[in-house]
Protein backbone atom coordinates (compact mmCIF):
# COMPACT_ATOMS: atom_id res chain seq x y z
CA UNK A 1 187.38 66.98 124.24
CA UNK A 2 190.33 69.12 123.14
CA UNK A 3 188.13 72.05 122.14
CA UNK A 4 186.20 71.76 125.42
CA UNK A 5 189.37 71.75 127.54
CA UNK A 6 190.76 74.73 125.63
CA UNK A 7 187.55 76.62 126.32
CA UNK A 8 187.52 75.73 130.01
CA UNK A 9 191.16 76.60 130.62
CA UNK A 10 191.00 79.52 128.14
CA UNK A 11 194.23 78.19 126.72
CA UNK A 12 194.86 76.96 123.15
CA UNK A 13 197.51 74.53 124.46
CA UNK A 14 195.08 72.48 126.55
CA UNK A 15 195.43 69.13 124.81
CA UNK A 16 193.99 66.54 127.23
CA UNK A 17 196.75 64.09 126.40
CA UNK A 18 199.60 66.58 126.48
CA UNK A 19 198.67 68.07 129.87
CA UNK A 20 198.29 64.71 131.58
CA UNK A 21 194.52 64.17 131.73
CA UNK A 22 194.67 61.03 129.59
CA UNK A 23 197.68 59.73 131.52
CA UNK A 24 195.77 60.17 134.78
CA UNK A 25 193.00 57.97 133.44
CA UNK A 26 195.51 55.39 132.27
CA UNK A 27 197.19 55.30 135.68
CA UNK A 28 194.02 54.44 137.57
CA UNK A 29 193.04 52.00 134.84
CA UNK A 30 196.33 50.12 135.26
CA UNK A 31 196.01 50.19 139.05
CA UNK A 32 192.50 48.72 138.85
CA UNK A 33 193.62 45.87 136.62
CA UNK A 34 196.79 45.25 138.64
CA UNK A 35 194.97 44.81 141.94
CA UNK A 36 192.18 42.79 140.38
CA UNK A 37 189.38 45.32 140.90
CA UNK A 38 188.44 45.34 137.22
CA UNK A 39 189.50 43.56 134.06
CA UNK A 40 190.88 45.43 131.07
CA UNK A 41 188.19 47.12 128.99
CA UNK A 42 185.34 46.28 131.38
CA UNK A 43 182.75 48.86 132.42
CA UNK A 44 184.27 49.24 135.92
CA UNK A 45 187.71 49.68 134.36
CA UNK A 46 186.43 52.42 132.04
CA UNK A 47 184.64 54.13 134.93
CA UNK A 48 187.81 54.08 137.05
CA UNK A 49 189.82 55.54 134.16
CA UNK A 50 187.25 58.32 133.88
CA UNK A 51 187.71 59.09 137.58
CA UNK A 52 191.48 59.18 137.09
CA UNK A 53 191.14 61.67 134.24
CA UNK A 54 188.92 63.88 136.40
CA UNK A 55 191.41 63.87 139.28
CA UNK A 56 194.29 64.66 136.90
CA UNK A 57 192.35 67.57 135.42
CA UNK A 58 191.60 69.00 138.86
CA UNK A 59 195.29 68.93 139.81
CA UNK A 60 196.34 71.21 136.94
CA UNK A 61 196.71 74.87 138.05
CA UNK A 62 194.16 76.92 136.13
CA UNK A 63 195.56 80.46 136.20
CA UNK A 64 198.80 80.08 134.29
CA UNK A 65 200.13 81.62 131.11
CA UNK A 66 200.19 79.22 128.12
CA UNK A 67 203.85 78.18 128.44
CA UNK A 68 203.90 77.54 132.23
CA UNK A 69 200.54 75.81 131.85
CA UNK A 70 201.83 73.33 129.30
CA UNK A 71 205.04 72.73 131.28
CA UNK A 72 203.15 71.97 134.50
CA UNK A 73 200.67 69.78 132.66
CA UNK A 74 203.44 67.95 130.85
CA UNK A 75 205.27 67.39 134.12
CA UNK A 76 202.20 65.94 135.80
CA UNK A 77 201.46 63.79 132.76
CA UNK A 78 205.01 62.46 132.79
CA UNK A 79 204.60 61.57 136.46
CA UNK A 80 201.37 59.66 135.77
CA UNK A 81 202.91 57.85 132.79
CA UNK A 82 206.05 56.91 134.72
CA UNK A 83 203.91 55.61 137.57
CA UNK A 84 201.89 53.51 135.12
CA UNK A 85 205.05 51.99 133.65
CA UNK A 86 206.46 51.31 137.12
CA UNK A 87 203.30 49.53 138.26
CA UNK A 88 203.21 47.45 135.09
CA UNK A 89 206.88 46.52 135.52
CA UNK A 90 206.31 45.51 139.13
CA UNK A 91 203.45 43.31 137.98
CA UNK A 92 205.68 41.70 135.34
CA UNK A 93 203.59 42.99 132.46
CA UNK A 94 206.14 45.10 130.62
CA UNK A 95 205.80 42.93 127.54
CA UNK A 96 202.03 42.56 127.81
CA UNK A 97 199.31 44.77 126.38
CA UNK A 98 199.27 47.21 129.28
CA UNK A 99 202.48 49.20 129.08
CA UNK A 100 202.90 49.22 125.31
CA UNK A 101 199.26 50.07 124.67
CA UNK A 102 198.88 52.87 127.20
CA UNK A 103 202.34 54.33 126.70
CA UNK A 104 202.29 54.43 122.91
CA UNK A 105 198.60 54.51 122.00
CA UNK A 106 196.88 52.05 119.70
CA UNK A 107 193.49 51.33 118.14
CA UNK A 108 194.25 47.63 117.71
CA UNK A 109 192.22 46.60 120.77
CA UNK A 110 189.24 48.85 119.99
CA UNK A 111 186.75 46.10 119.12
CA UNK A 112 182.99 46.46 118.59
CA UNK A 113 182.16 45.02 122.04
CA UNK A 114 184.64 47.47 123.57
CA UNK A 115 183.05 50.35 121.66
CA UNK A 116 179.63 49.38 122.97
CA UNK A 117 180.94 49.52 126.54
CA UNK A 118 182.55 52.87 125.78
CA UNK A 119 179.45 54.38 124.16
CA UNK A 120 177.51 55.39 127.32
CA UNK A 121 180.47 57.39 128.61
CA UNK A 122 180.95 59.14 125.26
CA UNK A 123 177.25 59.94 124.88
CA UNK A 124 176.95 61.31 128.42
CA UNK A 125 180.12 63.38 128.06
CA UNK A 126 178.99 64.77 124.71
CA UNK A 127 175.54 65.72 126.01
CA UNK A 128 177.01 67.43 129.06
CA UNK A 129 179.56 69.33 126.96
CA UNK A 130 176.81 70.39 124.56
CA UNK A 131 174.58 71.69 127.37
CA UNK A 132 177.26 73.88 128.95
CA UNK A 133 178.95 74.98 125.71
CA UNK A 134 177.26 78.39 125.62
CA UNK A 135 178.44 79.22 129.13
CA UNK A 136 181.93 77.93 128.34
CA UNK A 137 182.05 80.43 125.47
CA UNK A 138 181.24 83.20 127.95
CA UNK A 139 184.16 82.18 130.18
CA UNK A 140 186.48 83.62 127.54
CA UNK A 141 185.20 87.07 128.54
CA UNK A 142 186.60 86.61 132.04
CA UNK A 143 185.05 85.38 135.26
CA UNK A 144 183.71 88.78 136.29
CA UNK A 145 181.90 89.47 133.03
CA UNK A 146 180.69 85.88 132.76
CA UNK A 147 179.28 86.07 136.29
CA UNK A 148 177.59 89.39 135.45
CA UNK A 149 175.96 87.62 132.48
CA UNK A 150 174.50 85.03 134.84
CA UNK A 151 177.07 82.26 134.42
CA UNK A 152 177.81 80.23 137.53
CA UNK A 153 181.48 79.92 136.62
CA UNK A 154 182.49 77.41 139.29
CA UNK A 155 179.66 75.06 138.39
CA UNK A 156 180.32 75.37 134.65
CA UNK A 157 184.02 74.61 135.09
CA UNK A 158 183.28 71.58 137.27
CA UNK A 159 180.71 70.20 134.83
CA UNK A 160 183.15 70.84 131.99
CA UNK A 161 185.85 68.83 133.73
CA UNK A 162 183.37 66.00 134.30
CA UNK A 163 182.40 66.05 130.61
CA UNK A 164 186.05 66.09 129.56
CA UNK A 165 186.89 63.23 131.91
CA UNK A 166 184.02 61.15 130.51
CA UNK A 167 185.31 61.67 126.98
CA UNK A 168 189.05 61.46 127.62
CA UNK A 169 189.35 58.96 130.45
CA UNK A 170 187.00 56.39 128.97
CA UNK A 171 188.75 56.52 125.60
CA UNK A 172 192.21 56.32 127.19
CA UNK A 173 191.18 53.16 129.06
CA UNK A 174 190.89 51.36 125.72
CA UNK A 175 193.20 53.14 123.30
CA UNK A 176 195.87 54.68 125.50
CA UNK A 177 197.25 58.21 125.33
CA UNK A 178 196.75 59.81 121.92
CA UNK A 179 198.91 62.93 122.04
CA UNK A 180 198.41 66.05 119.94
CA UNK A 181 194.96 65.13 118.54
CA UNK A 182 193.22 67.48 120.96
CA UNK A 183 195.81 70.16 120.21
CA UNK A 184 196.09 70.00 116.44
CA UNK A 185 192.49 69.56 115.34
CA UNK A 186 190.77 72.40 117.26
CA UNK A 187 193.55 74.89 116.52
CA UNK A 188 193.54 74.06 112.81
CA UNK A 189 189.75 74.18 112.54
CA UNK A 190 189.08 77.22 114.75
CA UNK A 191 190.01 79.79 112.04
CA UNK A 192 187.82 77.87 109.56
CA UNK A 193 184.64 77.24 111.56
CA UNK A 194 184.89 79.92 114.25
CA UNK A 195 185.45 79.82 118.00
CA UNK A 196 181.85 78.98 119.00
CA UNK A 197 182.26 75.82 121.04
CA UNK A 198 179.30 73.85 119.71
CA UNK A 199 180.40 74.30 116.11
CA UNK A 200 184.04 73.67 116.97
CA UNK A 201 183.23 70.49 118.92
CA UNK A 202 181.31 69.01 115.99
CA UNK A 203 184.05 69.91 113.52
CA UNK A 204 186.78 68.66 115.87
CA UNK A 205 185.01 65.35 116.45
CA UNK A 206 184.92 64.72 112.71
CA UNK A 207 188.43 66.04 112.12
CA UNK A 208 189.88 64.06 115.02
CA UNK A 209 188.27 60.85 113.80
CA UNK A 210 189.66 61.38 110.30
CA UNK A 211 193.12 62.20 111.67
CA UNK A 212 193.20 59.07 113.83
CA UNK A 213 191.93 56.93 110.98
CA UNK A 214 194.59 58.27 108.63
CA UNK A 215 197.35 57.90 111.23
CA UNK A 216 196.26 54.36 112.12
CA UNK A 217 196.17 53.34 108.45
CA UNK A 218 199.62 54.85 107.89
CA UNK A 219 201.05 53.19 111.01
CA UNK A 220 200.00 49.77 109.73
CA UNK A 221 201.39 50.31 106.24
CA UNK A 222 204.84 51.76 107.00
CA UNK A 223 206.29 48.48 108.26
CA UNK A 224 205.78 45.15 106.56
CA UNK A 225 205.52 43.47 109.97
CA UNK A 226 203.93 45.14 112.97
CA UNK A 227 202.90 48.78 113.17
CA UNK A 228 204.42 52.14 114.04
CA UNK A 229 203.16 53.80 117.20
CA UNK A 230 200.30 56.23 116.66
CA UNK A 231 201.91 58.58 119.17
CA UNK A 232 205.02 58.78 116.98
CA UNK A 233 203.05 59.73 113.88
CA UNK A 234 200.83 62.16 115.76
CA UNK A 235 203.89 63.82 117.30
CA UNK A 236 205.35 64.37 113.83
CA UNK A 237 202.13 66.12 112.84
CA UNK A 238 201.47 67.92 116.10
CA UNK A 239 204.90 69.23 117.08
CA UNK A 240 205.04 71.92 114.35
CA UNK A 241 201.53 73.03 115.32
CA UNK A 242 202.61 73.34 118.96
CA UNK A 243 205.60 75.47 117.96
CA UNK A 244 203.40 77.74 115.83
CA UNK A 245 200.93 78.22 118.69
CA UNK A 246 203.73 79.13 121.11
CA UNK A 247 205.19 81.61 118.61
CA UNK A 248 201.75 83.14 118.07
CA UNK A 249 201.18 83.47 121.82
CA UNK A 250 204.60 85.10 122.24
CA UNK A 251 203.89 87.55 119.43
CA UNK A 252 200.48 88.48 120.85
CA UNK A 253 201.95 89.09 124.32
């Protein structure tokens, strides 16, 4: 999803978690469970989280330089996260699974039954992203050139946001906000496998899975009792990458 969002926004900083797309899904997921519309991890809950991610993605201004883009996205994401925590606190669930899971990110509740419920959303999002990937590559040439090449840019961007929401929102409903994965993996792999979206998506899917697996294993082994937040470990890995990207963008401008 990170490589897809970066292609759509034409911005290497477009990490779905960092710019608030994941947090938007989490917010609607918490609202749905708080008002009793859907239970945690159910199909309706996952679908509502997907809708929240789509709305959050649509609210991000598209035509911004990398630094303003990430600041606006981070601000919106902080608003969604704060709203989620406030709703959970008002419901008296600050010590329950909701706030800690969605605020800090965890794979502890990702069971096989939950994965089976998640699978249709992931498959549909992957297929949609795969179908439009060639046209997303052409967006990097600019809207005018892409349109001249026959790309219906508005439609491609909308379908791309839907695909990203299916991948990001559904996952966030079960595992919370996993920051920096969508930022680190595509930017590290792009010089190795190339910028072609289909190749980069495949490589990023494998690389992201390995990164999460390694971080989850490490989080469980650092402390003798309990586990360290995945977000903390991912931030340690991802923050230097973010700084390097910003320095590279500044140098190129």
